[in-house]
Amino acid sequence: MARRKRSSRTLERAQLRLDGILAIDSKLNVGGGFTAPGYQKLIDQLRSEISAYNTALSNVDAMTDRVAELEKQLAEYSERMLLGVASNYGRDSQEYEKAGGVKKRDRKRAAKKTAVAAG
């Protein structure tokens, strides 16, 4: 499942506000270091960071898919290796146990349930 990409309402609102400010004066300075070019720079920085973040999420999604596929392949390979050891040495062999199998004679059987007579 793909991760949800990020957007920013704050960024959208700031861009709309900047558009209005630029209509007033492209070099507006309201004092205290707050200028239209500084506002534009901060908006561009946030836009760039959100873009990088969303790209990273896409990369993580792709890596997650690859890891899941490799896990499936490895599980299948592991099962076939154990079956191969069982085929060559038998299910009651030490080799089968060394390979991670449980000897046939060591397996616990499920207890049978007894029916209770209605009466």
Protein backbone atom coordinates (compact mmCIF):
# COMPACT_ATOMS: atom_id res chain seq x y z
CA MET A 1 0.00 0.00 0.00
CA ALA A 2 1.46 3.34 -1.03
CA ARG A 3 2.10 5.92 1.64
CA ARG A 4 0.03 9.06 1.46
CA LYS A 5 1.84 11.97 -0.14
CA ARG A 6 2.00 15.27 1.64
CA SER A 7 0.55 18.59 0.59
CA SER A 8 0.32 21.83 2.55
CA ARG A 9 -2.63 24.13 2.95
CA THR A 10 -0.27 26.61 4.55
CA LEU A 11 1.80 26.61 1.37
CA GLU A 12 -1.28 27.08 -0.81
CA ARG A 13 -2.53 29.99 1.31
CA ALA A 14 0.91 31.60 1.42
CA GLN A 15 1.20 31.40 -2.37
CA LEU A 16 -2.18 33.10 -2.79
CA ARG A 17 -1.16 35.80 -0.30
CA LEU A 18 2.16 36.30 -2.09
CA ASP A 19 0.33 36.69 -5.40
CA GLY A 20 -1.68 39.53 -3.83
CA ILE A 21 1.41 41.12 -2.28
CA LEU A 22 3.24 41.00 -5.61
CA ALA A 23 0.29 42.84 -7.16
CA ILE A 24 0.97 45.64 -4.67
CA ASP A 25 4.78 45.79 -4.96
CA SER A 26 7.24 43.06 -5.97
CA LYS A 27 9.80 44.42 -3.49
CA LEU A 28 7.41 45.19 -0.64
CA ASN A 29 9.14 45.59 2.73
CA VAL A 30 6.86 45.75 5.76
CA GLY A 31 9.72 46.11 8.24
CA GLY A 32 11.34 43.74 10.67
CA GLY A 33 13.00 41.84 7.84
CA PHE A 34 9.70 40.81 6.24
CA THR A 35 9.92 41.33 2.49
CA ALA A 36 8.16 39.96 -0.57
CA PRO A 37 11.38 38.36 -1.90
CA GLY A 38 12.00 36.74 1.51
CA TYR A 39 8.42 35.46 1.54
CA GLN A 40 8.90 34.02 -1.97
CA LYS A 41 12.14 32.34 -0.89
CA LEU A 42 10.49 30.66 2.11
CA ILE A 43 7.55 29.48 -0.02
CA ASP A 44 9.98 28.01 -2.56
CA GLN A 45 11.95 26.25 0.21
CA LEU A 46 8.81 24.61 1.61
CA ARG A 47 7.66 23.58 -1.87
CA SER A 48 11.07 22.01 -2.53
CA GLU A 49 11.09 20.15 0.82
CA ILE A 50 7.58 18.77 0.28
CA SER A 51 8.60 17.61 -3.18
CA ALA A 52 11.73 15.90 -1.80
CA TYR A 53 9.64 14.32 0.99
CA ASN A 54 7.09 12.94 -1.47
CA THR A 55 9.86 11.60 -3.71
CA ALA A 56 11.44 9.87 -0.71
CA LEU A 57 8.07 8.31 0.15
CA SER A 58 7.79 6.98 -3.39
CA ASN A 59 11.26 5.49 -3.10
CA VAL A 60 10.40 3.88 0.23
CA ASP A 61 7.22 2.43 -1.30
CA ALA A 62 9.24 0.90 -4.13
CA MET A 63 11.79 -0.52 -1.70
CA THR A 64 9.03 -1.94 0.50
CA ASP A 65 7.55 -3.71 -2.51
CA ARG A 66 10.95 -5.14 -3.47
CA VAL A 67 11.58 -6.36 0.10
CA ALA A 68 8.16 -8.04 0.24
CA GLU A 69 8.79 -9.78 -3.09
CA LEU A 70 12.23 -10.97 -1.99
CA GLU A 71 10.75 -12.26 1.27
CA LYS A 72 8.26 -14.33 -0.71
CA GLN A 73 11.02 -15.69 -2.93
CA LEU A 74 13.21 -16.51 0.06
CA ALA A 75 10.36 -18.26 1.90
CA GLU A 76 9.69 -20.40 -1.18
CA TYR A 77 13.39 -21.15 -1.59
CA SER A 78 13.70 -22.07 2.11
CA GLU A 79 10.75 -24.43 1.86
CA ARG A 80 12.19 -26.11 -1.22
CA MET A 81 15.60 -26.47 0.44
CA LEU A 82 14.02 -28.19 3.45
CA LEU A 83 11.98 -30.45 1.16
CA GLY A 84 15.17 -31.30 -0.72
CA VAL A 85 16.92 -32.28 2.51
CA ALA A 86 13.88 -34.36 3.47
CA SER A 87 13.94 -36.02 0.05
CA ASN A 88 17.62 -36.86 0.30
CA TYR A 89 17.90 -37.82 3.96
CA GLY A 90 14.34 -38.49 5.15
CA ARG A 91 12.13 -36.67 7.61
CA ASP A 92 13.47 -38.56 10.62
CA SER A 93 17.13 -37.77 9.93
CA GLN A 94 19.49 -35.56 11.87
CA GLU A 95 20.22 -33.70 8.64
CA TYR A 96 16.55 -32.75 8.32
CA GLU A 97 16.58 -31.48 11.89
CA LYS A 98 19.84 -29.55 11.27
CA ALA A 99 18.19 -27.88 8.28
CA GLY A 100 15.41 -26.60 10.53
CA GLY A 101 12.80 -29.32 10.16
CA VAL A 102 11.07 -31.16 12.98
CA LYS A 103 11.57 -34.90 12.88
CA LYS A 104 8.46 -36.82 11.97
CA ARG A 105 8.54 -38.81 15.19
CA ASP A 106 8.93 -35.63 17.28
CA ARG A 107 5.82 -33.96 15.93
CA LYS A 108 3.02 -33.56 18.44
CA ARG A 109 -0.33 -34.71 17.26
CA ALA A 110 -3.47 -32.78 18.05
CA ALA A 111 -5.60 -34.42 20.71
CA LYS A 112 -8.85 -35.85 19.39
CA LYS A 113 -11.97 -34.21 20.67
CA THR A 114 -14.52 -36.53 22.18
CA ALA A 115 -18.15 -35.98 21.41
CA VAL A 116 -20.36 -35.30 24.40
CA ALA A 117 -23.62 -37.20 24.21
CA ALA A 118 -26.71 -35.00 24.42
CA GLY A 119 -28.93 -36.28 27.01
